[in-house]
């Protein structure tokens, strides 16, 4: 499966875990990011890993 790079460009993270400028390489189902961010990003990451083109 393809790797996806996720970069936080703005953060209002309630848990304080994700901060502006943090980058993550996602290549599996359990990346080391907060659950709230992962819940929002999972559908897009899954699509990109399977060949989708997003604007």
C-alpha atoms as a PDB file:
ATOM      1  CA  UNK A   1       0.000   0.000   0.000  1.00  0.00           C
ATOM      2  CA  UNK A   2       1.219   3.519  -0.783  1.00  0.00           C
ATOM      3  CA  UNK A   3       2.539   5.802   1.940  1.00  0.00           C
ATOM      4  CA  UNK A   4       0.773   9.110   2.594  1.00  0.00           C
ATOM      5  CA  UNK A   5       2.407  12.126   4.230  1.00  0.00           C
ATOM      6  CA  UNK A   6       0.113  14.084   6.533  1.00  0.00           C
ATOM      7  CA  UNK A   7       1.231  17.579   7.596  1.00  0.00           C
ATOM      8  CA  UNK A   8      -0.711  19.601  10.168  1.00  0.00           C
ATOM      9  CA  UNK A   9      -1.139  23.153   8.802  1.00  0.00           C
ATOM     10  CA  UNK A  10      -3.444  24.412  11.566  1.00  0.00           C
ATOM     11  CA  UNK A  11      -4.298  22.869  14.903  1.00  0.00           C
ATOM     12  CA  UNK A  12      -7.073  23.325  17.416  1.00  0.00           C
ATOM     13  CA  UNK A  13      -6.472  19.882  18.891  1.00  0.00           C
ATOM     14  CA  UNK A  14      -8.353  19.526  22.171  1.00  0.00           C
ATOM     15  CA  UNK A  15      -5.930  16.913  23.475  1.00  0.00           C
ATOM     16  CA  UNK A  16      -2.871  19.036  22.608  1.00  0.00           C
ATOM     17  CA  UNK A  17      -1.217  16.150  20.795  1.00  0.00           C
ATOM     18  CA  UNK A  18      -1.182  17.508  17.223  1.00  0.00           C
ATOM     19  CA  UNK A  19       0.613  20.785  16.690  1.00  0.00           C
ATOM     20  CA  UNK A  20       1.051  23.015  13.638  1.00  0.00           C
ATOM     21  CA  UNK A  21       3.959  21.789  11.526  1.00  0.00           C
ATOM     22  CA  UNK A  22       3.868  18.162  12.677  1.00  0.00           C
ATOM     23  CA  UNK A  23       4.260  15.645   9.835  1.00  0.00           C
ATOM     24  CA  UNK A  24       3.397  11.966   9.808  1.00  0.00           C
ATOM     25  CA  UNK A  25       4.063   9.238   7.273  1.00  0.00           C
ATOM     26  CA  UNK A  26       1.049   6.946   7.194  1.00  0.00           C
ATOM     27  CA  UNK A  27       1.609   3.454   5.869  1.00  0.00           C
ATOM     28  CA  UNK A  28      -0.487   1.316   8.234  1.00  0.00           C
ATOM     29  CA  UNK A  29      -3.814   1.442  10.025  1.00  0.00           C
ATOM     30  CA  UNK A  30      -2.529   2.664  13.394  1.00  0.00           C
ATOM     31  CA  UNK A  31      -0.377   5.780  12.974  1.00  0.00           C
ATOM     32  CA  UNK A  32       0.837   7.631  16.092  1.00  0.00           C
ATOM     33  CA  UNK A  33      -1.666  10.504  15.852  1.00  0.00           C
ATOM     34  CA  UNK A  34      -4.617  11.530  18.008  1.00  0.00           C
ATOM     35  CA  UNK A  35      -7.847   9.621  17.451  1.00  0.00           C
ATOM     36  CA  UNK A  36      -9.817  12.736  16.575  1.00  0.00           C
ATOM     37  CA  UNK A  37      -7.482  13.606  13.687  1.00  0.00           C
ATOM     38  CA  UNK A  38      -7.349  10.001  12.503  1.00  0.00           C
ATOM     39  CA  UNK A  39     -11.148   9.773  12.533  1.00  0.00           C
ATOM     40  CA  UNK A  40     -11.351  12.799  10.202  1.00  0.00           C
ATOM     41  CA  UNK A  41      -8.479  11.813   7.926  1.00  0.00           C
ATOM     42  CA  UNK A  42      -8.985   8.055   7.539  1.00  0.00           C
ATOM     43  CA  UNK A  43     -11.392   8.137   4.545  1.00  0.00           C
ATOM     44  CA  UNK A  44      -9.063  10.474   2.615  1.00  0.00           C
ATOM     45  CA  UNK A  45      -5.909   8.540   3.511  1.00  0.00           C
ATOM     46  CA  UNK A  46      -7.574   5.254   2.536  1.00  0.00           C
ATOM     47  CA  UNK A  47      -8.610   6.724  -0.825  1.00  0.00           C
ATOM     48  CA  UNK A  48      -5.102   8.058  -1.523  1.00  0.00           C
ATOM     49  CA  UNK A  49      -3.495   4.746  -0.591  1.00  0.00           C
ATOM     50  CA  UNK A  50      -5.739   3.049  -3.118  1.00  0.00           C
ATOM     51  CA  UNK A  51      -4.974   5.309  -6.068  1.00  0.00           C
ATOM     52  CA  UNK A  52      -7.439   8.197  -5.745  1.00  0.00           C
ATOM     53  CA  UNK A  53      -6.553  11.719  -6.861  1.00  0.00           C
ATOM     54  CA  UNK A  54      -7.791  14.446  -4.523  1.00  0.00           C
ATOM     55  CA  UNK A  55      -7.818  18.187  -5.218  1.00  0.00           C
END
